[in-house]
Amino acid sequence: MMDVLYFAWLRERIGLPKERIETQAQTVAELVEELRAREERYALAFSDLAAVRVAVDQELTDFDAPLAGAREVAFFPPMTGG
């Protein structure tokens, strides 16, 4: 089991701030594919991965990052500096 967190417009599109899921995904990319296949709202939220950043256990990473042992995956839009 792992926690999946959604921030900003991803949370708005999916309609949840977080959920606990059971997954067989080996990488973040595989997890995204599993989520996309669930419902249209997930497919919409993850339609443009160039506009999505990901962190595994609060470490910024890439979509090819392994999920072995991960407890949390967070998806969010790119941060803008200021």
Protein backbone atom coordinates (compact mmCIF):
# COMPACT_ATOMS: atom_id res chain seq x y z
CA MET A 1 0.00 0.00 0.00
CA MET A 2 1.15 3.51 -0.72
CA ASP A 3 -0.25 7.00 -0.40
CA VAL A 4 -0.69 8.96 -3.62
CA LEU A 5 -1.01 12.73 -3.18
CA TYR A 6 -2.35 15.21 -5.73
CA PHE A 7 -1.71 18.96 -5.60
CA ALA A 8 -3.09 22.08 -7.30
CA TRP A 9 -4.95 21.45 -10.60
CA LEU A 10 -4.24 17.70 -10.42
CA ARG A 11 -6.25 17.55 -7.19
CA GLU A 12 -9.03 19.58 -8.81
CA ARG A 13 -9.23 17.30 -11.86
CA ILE A 14 -9.09 14.05 -9.90
CA GLY A 15 -11.26 15.35 -7.07
CA LEU A 16 -9.10 13.98 -4.25
CA PRO A 17 -6.18 15.39 -2.27
CA LYS A 18 -4.85 11.90 -1.56
CA GLU A 19 -5.70 8.23 -1.71
CA ARG A 20 -4.20 4.98 -0.49
CA ILE A 21 -3.68 2.46 -3.26
CA GLU A 22 -2.45 -1.05 -3.85
CA THR A 23 -0.24 -1.21 -6.93
CA GLN A 24 1.91 -3.67 -8.84
CA ALA A 25 3.72 -0.78 -10.59
CA GLN A 26 7.51 -0.99 -10.57
CA THR A 27 8.08 2.64 -11.61
CA VAL A 28 6.30 5.97 -11.38
CA ALA A 29 5.49 5.73 -15.11
CA GLU A 30 3.76 2.36 -14.56
CA LEU A 31 1.79 3.84 -11.66
CA VAL A 32 0.65 6.70 -13.92
CA GLU A 33 -0.52 4.17 -16.52
CA GLU A 34 -2.48 2.28 -13.84
CA LEU A 35 -4.11 5.51 -12.67
CA ARG A 36 -4.90 6.64 -16.25
CA ALA A 37 -6.69 3.35 -16.88
CA ARG A 38 -8.98 3.81 -13.85
CA GLU A 39 -11.29 6.60 -14.99
CA GLU A 40 -11.40 9.48 -17.42
CA ARG A 41 -10.66 12.04 -14.69
CA TYR A 42 -7.27 10.39 -14.09
CA ALA A 43 -6.59 10.15 -17.82
CA LEU A 44 -7.33 13.86 -18.10
CA ALA A 45 -5.14 14.80 -15.14
CA PHE A 46 -2.20 12.82 -16.53
CA SER A 47 -2.74 13.64 -20.21
CA ASP A 48 0.34 15.92 -20.40
CA LEU A 49 3.17 14.56 -18.27
CA ALA A 50 5.39 17.47 -19.31
CA ALA A 51 3.16 19.57 -17.02
CA VAL A 52 3.50 17.21 -14.04
CA ARG A 53 6.30 16.78 -11.52
CA VAL A 54 6.64 13.83 -9.16
CA ALA A 55 8.20 13.13 -5.77
CA VAL A 56 8.70 9.70 -4.22
CA ASP A 57 8.92 9.75 -0.42
CA GLN A 58 9.33 13.55 -0.62
CA GLU A 59 12.31 13.38 -3.01
CA LEU A 60 11.85 15.06 -6.40
CA THR A 61 12.41 12.45 -9.09
CA ASP A 62 11.58 11.32 -12.65
CA PHE A 63 8.84 9.10 -14.05
CA ASP A 64 11.32 6.23 -14.49
CA ALA A 65 12.05 6.20 -10.75
CA PRO A 66 11.55 2.81 -9.06
CA LEU A 67 8.74 2.41 -6.53
CA ALA A 68 10.20 -0.50 -4.55
CA GLY A 69 9.71 0.28 -0.87
CA ALA A 70 8.09 3.66 -1.55
CA ARG A 71 5.44 4.79 0.93
CA GLU A 72 4.32 7.98 -0.81
CA VAL A 73 4.13 9.37 -4.32
CA ALA A 74 3.12 13.00 -4.88
CA PHE A 75 2.10 14.59 -8.18
CA PHE A 76 2.11 18.36 -8.67
CA PRO A 77 2.58 21.03 -11.34
CA PRO A 78 6.04 22.59 -11.83
CA MET A 79 6.85 25.18 -9.19
CA THR A 80 7.35 28.75 -10.25
CA GLY A 81 10.01 30.76 -8.46
CA GLY A 82 9.55 34.22 -7.09
